[in-house]
Amino acid sequence: MAEGLDDSIHPKGKHSKGLLIGDGSRRITVIRSLIANNIERNPYLKPGASLEFINNVVYGWGPRGGWSLCNISDTGGTGEAVRLSLIGNYYKPGPWSYQGPALYGSPIAPGTRIFVHGNIGPTRASQGEPEWSISSIPEVPYRTLSNPFQRARRTVLPAERAYERVLANAGSRPRRRARTDSRIISDVRNGSGGIRDCIVGCTRAIGEVDELPTTSTLIKLPPQADQLAVDSQYTILERWLHERAREVEEGG
């Protein structure tokens, strides 16, 4: 989720945004994703939302204080509590980014509860520092020491390892990346890039996109492809699809 255009064609004017977890959106998991070069919503949780945010990389947010980072503000005064698990994420500022705590909220609904573990950011540079130093929100009464969610089935990595894992695998085809994906990954690694107002260079024709590799494959599966494979909860067709997915998704 990268390069939300800022001063572009949005009817509200400047509007560089990343990820919005909308009002009342519940039991959402965002895991091993890259959010880069968006001024705000990195992410933004609206009132009543619940989210586990695990092993993500957030890079190059904007200069607008805590509002630019992980924001749980109840600006409408709804009083609807937010539940958030923030685990093993890596917040890397760009040269233009606000250098403050990654977690922000003002005002905060009274019943809001937040679980934090193993995050890295501008105010928590190592795992040896206090967990809550990732946050500008008062620890009491908002912090909970027990995860409010049953943890995602995926293995949770230390934030430093998640950083490398995400950059190796983010994008639609990590093994054969399109130019735009490659450029964004390079910007994150090198601390470069920035907030954009238009497509790169603003010189391409509307609708022009990166050329992606194409393949033509004759799929020949046995008649029982819809049956479960031996010692598996997946069908033969699903197993075949998983193998094809790994060919383009695993960048390591």
Protein backbone atom coordinates (compact mmCIF):
# COMPACT_ATOMS: atom_id res chain seq x y z
CA MET A 1 0.00 0.00 0.00
CA ALA A 2 2.21 2.77 -1.26
CA GLU A 3 2.34 6.28 -2.71
CA GLY A 4 -1.16 7.54 -2.11
CA LEU A 5 -1.10 10.62 -4.34
CA ASP A 6 -1.26 13.86 -2.39
CA ASP A 7 -1.90 17.03 -4.42
CA SER A 8 -3.59 15.26 -7.30
CA ILE A 9 -7.24 14.94 -8.43
CA HIS A 10 -9.03 14.05 -5.18
CA PRO A 11 -12.17 16.20 -4.71
CA LYS A 12 -11.14 16.93 -1.09
CA GLY A 13 -7.77 18.32 -2.17
CA LYS A 14 -4.53 16.95 -0.74
CA HIS A 15 -5.18 13.34 0.16
CA SER A 16 -2.13 11.09 0.52
CA LYS A 17 -3.54 8.20 2.55
CA GLY A 18 -2.45 4.66 3.35
CA LEU A 19 -4.70 2.15 5.12
CA LEU A 20 -8.07 2.97 6.74
CA ILE A 21 -9.78 0.49 9.07
CA GLY A 22 -13.31 1.88 8.84
CA ASP A 23 -15.93 2.52 11.49
CA GLY A 24 -16.94 -0.70 13.24
CA SER A 25 -14.66 -2.94 11.15
CA ARG A 26 -13.96 -5.87 13.45
CA ARG A 27 -11.56 -8.82 13.67
CA ILE A 28 -9.25 -7.52 10.94
CA THR A 29 -5.75 -8.95 10.51
CA VAL A 30 -3.04 -7.11 8.56
CA ILE A 31 0.13 -9.17 8.45
CA ARG A 32 3.50 -8.92 6.64
CA SER A 33 2.47 -6.00 4.45
CA LEU A 34 4.36 -2.90 3.30
CA ILE A 35 2.83 0.55 3.76
CA ALA A 36 5.08 3.21 2.24
CA ASN A 37 5.15 6.90 1.38
CA ASN A 38 1.68 7.91 2.53
CA ILE A 39 1.25 11.07 4.62
CA GLU A 40 -1.53 9.66 6.83
CA ARG A 41 -3.38 6.43 7.72
CA ASN A 42 -0.40 4.30 8.59
CA PRO A 43 -2.91 2.88 9.55
CA TYR A 44 -5.91 4.82 10.89
CA LEU A 45 -8.47 2.92 13.01
CA LYS A 46 -11.92 4.50 13.11
CA PRO A 47 -14.23 4.20 16.17
CA GLY A 48 -15.39 0.68 16.98
CA ALA A 49 -12.68 -1.01 14.91
CA SER A 50 -10.63 -3.98 16.05
CA LEU A 51 -7.34 -4.91 14.39
CA GLU A 52 -4.31 -7.10 14.86
CA PHE A 53 -1.40 -5.45 13.03
CA ILE A 54 1.46 -7.95 12.88
CA ASN A 55 4.95 -7.93 11.29
CA ASN A 56 4.27 -5.06 8.92
CA VAL A 57 6.74 -2.48 7.61
CA VAL A 58 5.64 1.15 7.60
CA TYR A 59 7.92 3.64 5.86
CA GLY A 60 7.99 7.29 4.90
CA TRP A 61 4.87 8.64 6.62
CA GLY A 62 4.21 12.38 6.61
CA PRO A 63 5.29 15.28 8.81
CA ARG A 64 1.93 15.89 10.55
CA GLY A 65 2.84 14.58 13.99
CA GLY A 66 1.25 11.47 15.44
CA TRP A 67 -1.72 11.80 13.09
CA SER A 68 0.57 10.53 10.32
CA LEU A 69 1.33 7.23 12.02
CA CYS A 70 -0.85 4.55 13.66
CA ASN A 71 -3.79 6.72 14.68
CA ILE A 72 -6.80 5.70 16.81
CA SER A 73 -8.27 9.17 17.45
CA ASP A 74 -12.00 9.41 18.12
CA THR A 75 -12.34 12.88 16.66
CA GLY A 76 -16.13 12.64 16.41
CA GLY A 77 -16.50 11.84 20.10
CA THR A 78 -18.44 8.64 19.44
CA GLY A 79 -17.09 6.87 22.52
CA GLU A 80 -16.82 3.61 20.54
CA ALA A 81 -13.78 1.73 21.78
CA VAL A 82 -10.94 0.49 19.59
CA ARG A 83 -9.16 -2.83 20.18
CA LEU A 84 -5.66 -3.06 18.76
CA SER A 85 -2.82 -5.59 18.89
CA LEU A 86 0.40 -4.04 17.58
CA ILE A 87 2.97 -6.82 17.31
CA GLY A 88 6.42 -6.99 15.74
CA ASN A 89 6.03 -4.07 13.33
CA TYR A 90 8.88 -2.01 11.92
CA TYR A 91 8.29 1.74 11.55
CA LYS A 92 11.04 3.36 9.48
CA PRO A 93 10.85 7.14 8.96
CA GLY A 94 11.84 8.85 5.75
CA PRO A 95 13.85 12.09 5.84
CA TRP A 96 10.52 14.00 5.63
CA SER A 97 8.73 11.99 8.34
CA TYR A 98 7.69 13.07 11.83
CA GLN A 99 10.13 11.49 14.29
CA GLY A 100 7.75 10.55 17.06
CA PRO A 101 5.98 7.57 18.63
CA ALA A 102 4.34 5.22 16.14
CA LEU A 103 1.08 4.93 18.10
CA TYR A 104 -1.10 8.02 18.60
CA GLY A 105 -4.62 8.94 19.63
CA SER A 106 -6.39 12.11 20.78
CA PRO A 107 -9.11 11.96 21.96
CA ILE A 108 -9.46 8.26 22.80
CA ALA A 109 -12.69 6.38 23.52
CA PRO A 110 -12.66 5.31 27.21
CA GLY A 111 -12.98 1.55 26.60
CA THR A 112 -10.10 1.39 24.12
CA ARG A 113 -7.55 -1.33 24.85
CA ILE A 114 -4.14 -1.78 23.19
CA PHE A 115 -1.66 -4.63 23.30
CA VAL A 116 1.90 -3.93 22.14
CA HIS A 117 4.82 -6.30 21.75
CA GLY A 118 8.14 -6.20 19.94
CA ASN A 119 7.64 -3.14 17.75
CA ILE A 120 10.47 -0.96 16.42
CA GLY A 121 10.10 2.74 15.61
CA PRO A 122 11.62 6.20 16.05
CA THR A 123 11.08 6.14 19.83
CA ARG A 124 11.88 2.45 20.35
CA ALA A 125 15.05 1.61 18.49
CA SER A 126 15.73 -1.79 20.06
CA GLN A 127 13.96 -4.70 21.72
CA GLY A 128 15.61 -3.85 25.04
CA GLU A 129 13.65 -0.62 25.45
CA PRO A 130 10.27 -0.41 27.23
CA GLU A 131 7.45 -1.76 25.05
CA TRP A 132 5.18 1.24 25.62
CA SER A 133 7.80 3.70 24.39
CA ILE A 134 6.36 3.00 20.94
CA SER A 135 3.27 4.96 22.05
CA SER A 136 2.37 8.55 22.96
CA ILE A 137 -0.93 7.39 24.49
CA PRO A 138 -1.23 7.23 28.30
CA GLU A 139 -0.44 3.70 29.46
CA VAL A 140 -3.26 3.74 32.02
CA PRO A 141 -6.02 2.80 31.36
CA TYR A 142 -5.48 2.00 27.68
CA ARG A 143 -2.72 -0.60 27.74
CA THR A 144 -3.56 -4.28 28.24
CA LEU A 145 -0.89 -6.85 29.02
CA SER A 146 -2.91 -9.69 27.48
CA ASN A 147 -3.56 -9.95 23.77
CA PRO A 148 -7.30 -9.33 23.19
CA PHE A 149 -7.23 -11.60 20.12
CA GLN A 150 -6.44 -15.21 19.54
CA ARG A 151 -3.12 -14.80 17.79
CA ALA A 152 -2.92 -15.22 14.01
CA ARG A 153 -1.82 -18.69 12.92
CA ARG A 154 1.19 -17.33 11.09
CA THR A 155 4.47 -17.37 13.00
CA VAL A 156 5.20 -13.95 14.49
CA LEU A 157 8.74 -12.77 13.69
CA PRO A 158 10.92 -10.27 15.53
CA ALA A 159 10.45 -6.84 13.93
CA GLU A 160 13.95 -6.82 12.44
CA ARG A 161 13.38 -10.15 10.70
CA ALA A 162 9.92 -9.07 9.60
CA TYR A 163 11.52 -6.05 7.91
CA GLU A 164 13.68 -8.29 5.71
CA ARG A 165 10.88 -10.79 5.12
CA VAL A 166 8.42 -8.12 3.99
CA LEU A 167 10.88 -6.42 1.64
CA ALA A 168 11.76 -9.79 0.10
CA ASN A 169 8.14 -10.79 -0.46
CA ALA A 170 5.97 -7.66 -0.79
CA GLY A 171 4.29 -6.94 -4.10
CA SER A 172 2.27 -8.93 -6.59
CA ARG A 173 5.17 -10.90 -8.14
CA PRO A 174 8.22 -10.77 -5.85
CA ARG A 175 10.27 -13.16 -8.01
CA ARG A 176 9.77 -11.02 -11.14
CA ARG A 177 8.86 -7.59 -9.85
CA ALA A 178 7.39 -4.82 -11.96
CA ARG A 179 9.40 -1.60 -12.13
CA THR A 180 7.18 0.28 -9.71
CA ASP A 181 7.34 -2.41 -7.04
CA SER A 182 11.13 -2.64 -7.41
CA ARG A 183 11.51 1.13 -7.09
CA ILE A 184 9.38 1.31 -3.94
CA ILE A 185 11.26 -1.56 -2.28
CA SER A 186 14.54 0.17 -3.15
CA ASP A 187 13.28 3.45 -1.66
CA VAL A 188 12.43 1.73 1.63
CA ARG A 189 15.85 0.08 1.87
CA ASN A 190 17.75 3.25 0.94
CA GLY A 191 15.64 5.75 2.90
CA SER A 192 14.75 7.55 -0.32
CA GLY A 193 11.60 8.27 -2.33
CA GLY A 194 9.00 10.63 -0.95
CA ILE A 195 5.38 11.75 -1.05
CA ARG A 196 4.13 11.96 -4.62
CA ASP A 197 1.53 14.16 -6.28
CA CYS A 198 1.36 12.25 -9.54
CA ILE A 199 2.59 9.12 -11.25
CA VAL A 200 6.37 8.91 -11.57
CA GLY A 201 7.58 11.71 -13.82
CA CYS A 202 3.98 12.69 -14.68
CA THR A 203 4.83 11.93 -18.30
CA ARG A 204 3.19 8.57 -18.93
CA ALA A 205 -0.10 8.40 -20.76
CA ILE A 206 -3.14 7.81 -18.60
CA GLY A 207 -3.68 4.12 -18.15
CA GLU A 208 -0.07 3.17 -18.88
CA VAL A 209 1.18 0.54 -16.46
CA ASP A 210 4.26 -1.55 -15.90
CA GLU A 211 4.61 -4.43 -18.28
CA LEU A 212 4.18 -7.67 -16.39
CA PRO A 213 5.47 -11.01 -17.59
CA THR A 214 2.84 -13.29 -19.03
CA THR A 215 2.74 -17.05 -19.19
CA SER A 216 0.62 -19.56 -21.03
CA THR A 217 0.16 -22.87 -19.28
CA LEU A 218 -1.84 -25.90 -20.32
CA ILE A 219 -3.51 -27.11 -17.15
CA LYS A 220 -4.03 -30.85 -17.28
CA LEU A 221 -5.44 -32.25 -14.08
CA PRO A 222 -7.00 -35.63 -13.37
CA PRO A 223 -10.81 -35.95 -13.30
CA GLN A 224 -10.76 -36.18 -9.50
CA ALA A 225 -9.09 -32.73 -9.11
CA ASP A 226 -11.91 -31.61 -6.86
CA GLN A 227 -11.19 -34.44 -4.42
CA LEU A 228 -8.95 -34.14 -1.39
CA ALA A 229 -5.29 -34.88 -1.97
CA VAL A 230 -3.75 -37.71 0.05
CA ASP A 231 -3.12 -36.69 3.69
CA SER A 232 -4.30 -33.16 3.01
CA GLN A 233 -7.20 -30.84 3.82
CA TYR A 234 -6.89 -29.39 0.30
CA THR A 235 -8.10 -30.71 -3.03
CA ILE A 236 -5.72 -31.73 -5.79
CA LEU A 237 -6.59 -28.52 -7.66
CA GLU A 238 -5.90 -26.39 -4.59
CA ARG A 239 -2.54 -28.07 -4.07
CA TRP A 240 -1.63 -27.29 -7.69
CA LEU A 241 -2.68 -23.65 -7.26
CA HIS A 242 -0.57 -23.37 -4.11
CA GLU A 243 2.48 -24.57 -6.02
CA ARG A 244 1.92 -22.01 -8.79
CA ALA A 245 1.43 -19.26 -6.22
CA ARG A 246 4.73 -20.06 -4.53
CA GLU A 247 6.52 -19.66 -7.86
CA VAL A 248 5.65 -15.94 -7.97
CA GLU A 249 5.07 -15.03 -4.31
CA GLU A 250 8.20 -16.20 -2.53
CA GLY A 251 10.97 -13.74 -3.25
CA GLY A 252 13.65 -15.24 -1.04
